[in-house]
C-alpha cells in the first residue's frame, strides 16, 4: 500500500505550485499591509524620505516566526566553504553547485564554475565555462581542488534538460576523478538513503558503501551527514534519507 501512497503523494506535491494562490490569504495580507501603511503615515513624518501610495511595493510573505532556511544548503555550503578556507587552494573548480555560494567563495579564491546553463552575471574572481559534467572542459589530472555539491544525483534524469541516462551519476563521478590531480581534493555531496534509489525525476540517493566504491581512486578524508535539521558525523543507514558530505583526496 505504501508503494502506491508515496508516489501519489509526491505527484500531489508537484501539483501544489500550480495551486498556490489563495485569495483569502492574499486579502488578509493586503488588509494588514494597508493598516501598517496607515500606522506608518500617522506617526511623525521622517522628512528625509518621500512616501506615497505610488511607491507601494507590497511584500506579503516575509512576516514569519522563524528565519526561513533550507537545512541542506545551509549546512552543505557552510561545510564546503570551511574546507576551502582550511586548505586554501590557489584556484578551485566547481561543477554545477549553487551559483550564489560559488560567487561568495570566489571572493576568497579564484573559481572556475562549470554548468550546462550559463550565468548572466559577472564577478571578479569568478570565471564561467559552459559545459557538462559528463565531459568536463579540463585536461586529465589538471586540477588541485574540485567541488560538486548536490549535482551528480540529477545527471541522466532529464530534470534540467539533460539526456536520459541510467548511468549518468557514475559517469559524472568518473569525470570528477579524471580531472583531479594526485593529491588533489574533491568536495562532494549527494542524497543518501538506506539503499540506492531513483526518486524519478528529482534525484538518485546512494548508500555510503556505493559512494566509496565509485570513488575508488580516492581516499576519504572526512564525511558528514544531514538528517532533517541535524548535521552529524556518522552515516546511519537506519535513518533513511539524508545528505552526505564528502571530502576526498585523489590517490
Protein backbone atom coordinates (compact mmCIF):
# COMPACT_ATOMS: atom_id res chain seq x y z
CA UNK A 1 0.00 0.00 0.00
CA UNK A 2 2.83 2.37 0.91
CA UNK A 3 4.42 1.84 -2.51
CA UNK A 4 1.28 3.36 -4.05
CA UNK A 5 0.69 6.14 -1.50
CA UNK A 6 4.22 7.59 -1.62
CA UNK A 7 4.33 8.33 -5.37
CA UNK A 8 0.76 9.63 -5.32
CA UNK A 9 1.72 12.00 -2.50
CA UNK A 10 4.77 13.24 -4.41
CA UNK A 11 2.65 13.78 -7.53
CA UNK A 12 0.29 15.80 -5.33
CA UNK A 13 3.26 17.89 -4.11
CA UNK A 14 4.34 18.53 -7.70
CA UNK A 15 0.83 19.87 -8.36
CA UNK A 16 0.83 22.34 -5.45
CA UNK A 17 2.92 25.11 -7.09
CA UNK A 18 0.15 25.44 -9.66
CA UNK A 19 -2.43 25.93 -6.90
CA UNK A 20 -0.56 28.23 -4.52
CA UNK A 21 -2.68 31.33 -4.97
CA UNK A 22 -5.12 31.66 -2.06
CA UNK A 23 -7.43 34.68 -2.43
CA UNK A 24 -8.42 34.60 1.25
CA UNK A 25 -4.78 34.68 2.39
CA UNK A 26 -3.94 37.43 -0.10
CA UNK A 27 -6.89 39.60 1.07
CA UNK A 28 -5.83 39.11 4.72
CA UNK A 29 -2.25 40.18 3.96
CA UNK A 30 -3.35 43.17 1.86
CA UNK A 31 -5.56 44.40 4.72
CA UNK A 32 -2.66 44.04 7.15
CA UNK A 33 -0.36 45.82 4.71
CA UNK A 34 -2.70 48.80 4.31
CA UNK A 35 -3.21 49.01 8.10
CA UNK A 36 0.56 49.09 8.58
CA UNK A 37 0.81 51.83 5.96
CA UNK A 38 -1.83 53.93 7.72
CA UNK A 39 0.01 53.46 11.02
CA UNK A 40 3.29 54.50 9.40
CA UNK A 41 1.67 57.62 7.89
CA UNK A 42 0.01 58.58 11.20
CA UNK A 43 3.32 58.77 13.05
CA UNK A 44 5.76 61.67 12.98
CA UNK A 45 6.96 62.09 9.40
CA UNK A 46 10.60 61.45 8.56
CA UNK A 47 11.44 64.44 6.34
CA UNK A 48 14.40 62.59 4.80
CA UNK A 49 12.13 60.24 2.86
CA UNK A 50 9.28 60.77 0.43
CA UNK A 51 6.30 58.47 0.99
CA UNK A 52 3.48 57.87 -1.47
CA UNK A 53 0.95 55.22 -2.45
CA UNK A 54 2.60 55.32 -5.89
CA UNK A 55 5.72 53.82 -4.28
CA UNK A 56 3.93 50.86 -2.76
CA UNK A 57 5.87 47.59 -3.07
CA UNK A 58 3.86 45.02 -1.07
CA UNK A 59 5.97 42.19 0.43
CA UNK A 60 3.33 39.93 1.90
CA UNK A 61 5.09 36.65 2.69
CA UNK A 62 8.05 37.71 4.84
CA UNK A 63 6.37 38.03 8.25
CA UNK A 64 7.40 34.62 9.56
CA UNK A 65 8.02 33.36 13.10
CA UNK A 66 11.38 31.82 12.15
CA UNK A 67 14.11 32.66 9.66
CA UNK A 68 13.38 30.53 6.57
CA UNK A 69 16.32 28.20 5.94
CA UNK A 70 16.91 25.13 3.82
CA UNK A 71 18.99 22.95 6.17
CA UNK A 72 20.62 21.10 3.27
CA UNK A 73 22.11 24.18 1.64
CA UNK A 74 22.75 25.89 4.98
CA UNK A 75 24.88 23.02 6.31
CA UNK A 76 26.29 21.82 2.99
CA UNK A 77 27.51 25.18 1.67
CA UNK A 78 28.92 26.22 5.06
CA UNK A 79 30.78 22.91 5.30
CA UNK A 80 32.25 23.24 1.80
CA UNK A 81 33.33 26.83 2.47
CA UNK A 82 35.06 25.79 5.70
CA UNK A 83 37.02 23.09 3.84
CA UNK A 84 38.16 25.52 1.12
CA UNK A 85 39.21 28.10 3.71
CA UNK A 86 41.03 25.36 5.59
CA UNK A 87 43.24 24.03 2.79
CA UNK A 88 43.45 27.33 0.84
CA UNK A 89 43.83 26.25 -2.80
CA UNK A 90 45.40 28.73 -5.23
CA UNK A 91 42.42 28.10 -7.55
CA UNK A 92 39.29 25.99 -7.50
CA UNK A 93 36.91 24.38 -9.99
CA UNK A 94 33.21 23.90 -9.22
CA UNK A 95 30.76 21.95 -11.31
CA UNK A 96 27.10 22.83 -11.03
CA UNK A 97 26.82 23.89 -7.39
CA UNK A 98 24.66 26.80 -6.19
CA UNK A 99 25.87 29.90 -8.06
CA UNK A 100 25.26 32.22 -5.10
CA UNK A 101 27.55 30.19 -2.84
CA UNK A 102 30.24 29.87 -5.50
CA UNK A 103 30.09 33.62 -6.14
CA UNK A 104 30.78 34.30 -2.45
CA UNK A 105 33.64 31.78 -2.34
CA UNK A 106 35.18 33.32 -5.48
CA UNK A 107 35.93 36.44 -3.45
CA UNK A 108 38.40 34.40 -1.38
CA UNK A 109 39.83 32.02 -4.00
CA UNK A 110 39.67 32.26 -7.83
CA UNK A 111 36.99 29.86 -9.06
CA UNK A 112 36.12 28.46 -12.45
CA UNK A 113 32.46 27.44 -12.45
CA UNK A 114 31.13 24.91 -14.98
CA UNK A 115 27.41 24.47 -15.69
CA UNK A 116 25.18 23.48 -18.61
CA UNK A 117 23.26 26.70 -18.04
CA UNK A 118 25.24 29.96 -18.40
CA UNK A 119 25.09 32.63 -15.72
CA UNK A 120 24.25 36.17 -16.82
CA UNK A 121 26.24 37.99 -14.12
CA UNK A 122 29.97 38.63 -13.97
CA UNK A 123 32.17 38.99 -10.90
CA UNK A 124 35.85 39.44 -10.26
CA UNK A 125 37.38 36.13 -9.20
CA UNK A 126 34.68 34.04 -10.86
CA UNK A 127 35.20 32.59 -14.33
CA UNK A 128 32.39 30.68 -16.03
CA UNK A 129 32.70 27.85 -18.55
CA UNK A 130 29.61 26.34 -20.13
CA UNK A 131 29.92 22.58 -20.20
CA UNK A 132 28.65 19.27 -18.94
CA UNK A 133 29.86 17.21 -16.01
CA UNK A 134 29.90 14.23 -18.38
CA UNK A 135 32.66 15.84 -20.47
CA UNK A 136 34.42 18.49 -18.41
CA UNK A 137 36.49 21.09 -20.30
CA UNK A 138 39.75 20.30 -18.46
CA UNK A 139 42.74 18.10 -19.13
CA UNK A 140 43.17 14.84 -17.23
CA UNK A 141 44.79 15.27 -13.79
CA UNK A 142 44.90 19.07 -14.19
CA UNK A 143 43.02 20.35 -11.12
CA UNK A 144 44.07 20.57 -7.47
CA UNK A 145 40.69 21.48 -5.96
CA UNK A 146 37.26 20.46 -7.26
CA UNK A 147 33.72 20.59 -5.89
CA UNK A 148 30.29 19.42 -7.00
CA UNK A 149 27.55 19.81 -4.40
CA UNK A 150 24.17 18.13 -4.81
CA UNK A 151 24.64 17.82 -8.58
CA UNK A 152 25.51 14.31 -9.75
CA UNK A 153 22.34 12.76 -8.32
CA UNK A 154 20.39 14.59 -11.06
CA UNK A 155 22.52 13.58 -14.03
CA UNK A 156 20.65 11.47 -16.57
CA UNK A 157 17.14 12.01 -15.16
CA UNK A 158 16.16 14.79 -17.57
CA UNK A 159 15.09 17.21 -14.82
CA UNK A 160 17.30 20.03 -16.09
CA UNK A 161 17.04 19.22 -19.76
CA UNK A 162 19.94 16.77 -19.81
CA UNK A 163 19.72 13.49 -21.78
CA UNK A 164 18.20 10.46 -20.03
CA UNK A 165 20.97 8.11 -18.89
CA UNK A 166 20.60 5.47 -16.13
CA UNK A 167 24.40 5.62 -15.61
CA UNK A 168 24.64 9.42 -15.52
CA UNK A 169 25.80 9.65 -11.90
CA UNK A 170 28.52 7.05 -12.32
CA UNK A 171 29.84 8.78 -15.44
CA UNK A 172 29.83 12.15 -13.69
CA UNK A 173 31.81 10.84 -10.70
CA UNK A 174 34.36 9.31 -13.08
CA UNK A 175 34.81 12.74 -14.70
CA UNK A 176 35.39 14.44 -11.35
CA UNK A 177 38.16 11.96 -10.61
CA UNK A 178 39.61 12.23 -14.12
CA UNK A 179 40.32 15.96 -13.92
CA UNK A 180 41.74 15.86 -10.37
CA UNK A 181 45.49 15.61 -9.82
CA UNK A 182 47.08 13.07 -7.50
CA UNK A 183 46.80 14.62 -4.04
CA UNK A 184 44.01 16.93 -5.19
CA UNK A 185 40.83 17.46 -3.17
CA UNK A 186 37.22 16.74 -4.22
CA UNK A 187 34.36 18.19 -2.16
CA UNK A 188 31.22 16.28 -2.97
CA UNK A 189 27.65 15.87 -1.72
CA UNK A 190 24.68 13.71 -2.68
CA UNK A 191 21.47 12.38 -1.15
CA UNK A 192 21.98 9.20 0.84
CA UNK A 193 19.47 6.55 1.88
CA UNK A 194 19.13 3.06 3.32
CA UNK A 195 19.50 1.64 -0.21
CA UNK A 196 20.38 3.11 -3.61
CA UNK A 197 17.18 4.52 -5.11
CA UNK A 198 15.96 6.63 -8.03
CA UNK A 199 13.36 9.21 -6.99
CA UNK A 200 12.45 9.91 -10.62
CA UNK A 201 12.88 12.57 -11.83
CA UNK A 202 14.05 14.53 -8.78
CA UNK A 203 17.27 12.73 -7.92
CA UNK A 204 19.00 9.49 -7.00
CA UNK A 205 20.03 8.53 -3.48
CA UNK A 206 23.11 6.47 -2.60
CA UNK A 207 24.49 4.37 0.21
CA UNK A 208 27.84 5.32 1.69
CA UNK A 209 29.22 1.98 0.57
CA UNK A 210 28.34 2.65 -3.07
CA UNK A 211 29.78 6.17 -2.95
CA UNK A 212 33.10 4.81 -1.67
CA UNK A 213 33.04 2.20 -4.44
CA UNK A 214 32.53 4.89 -7.08
CA UNK A 215 35.38 6.98 -5.64
CA UNK A 216 37.77 4.03 -5.76
CA UNK A 217 40.68 6.21 -6.91
CA UNK A 218 40.30 8.47 -3.86
CA UNK A 219 40.87 8.37 -0.12
CA UNK A 220 38.03 9.53 2.13
CA UNK A 221 39.31 12.34 4.35
CA UNK A 222 36.05 13.43 6.00
CA UNK A 223 32.33 12.73 5.84
CA UNK A 224 29.33 14.43 7.46
CA UNK A 225 25.60 13.76 7.16
CA UNK A 226 22.49 15.91 7.20
CA UNK A 227 19.39 14.22 8.61
CA UNK A 228 16.45 16.62 8.82
CA UNK A 229 17.77 19.66 10.71
CA UNK A 230 20.85 17.92 12.13
CA UNK A 231 24.44 17.78 10.88
CA UNK A 232 26.06 14.64 12.28
CA UNK A 233 29.38 12.82 11.94
CA UNK A 234 28.11 9.32 11.23
CA UNK A 235 26.19 7.66 8.41
CA UNK A 236 23.19 5.86 9.89
CA UNK A 237 21.58 3.61 7.31
CA UNK A 238 18.53 3.07 9.53
CA UNK A 239 17.70 6.81 9.45
CA UNK A 240 16.89 6.59 5.75
CA UNK A 241 17.05 9.66 3.55
CA UNK A 242 19.60 12.40 4.17
CA UNK A 243 22.51 14.21 2.53
CA UNK A 244 26.11 13.02 2.62
CA UNK A 245 29.04 15.47 2.56
CA UNK A 246 32.41 14.02 1.50
CA UNK A 247 35.96 15.30 1.29
CA UNK A 248 38.11 13.02 -0.90
CA UNK A 249 41.78 13.14 -1.79
CA UNK A 250 42.92 11.65 -5.09
CA UNK A 251 45.31 8.75 -4.53
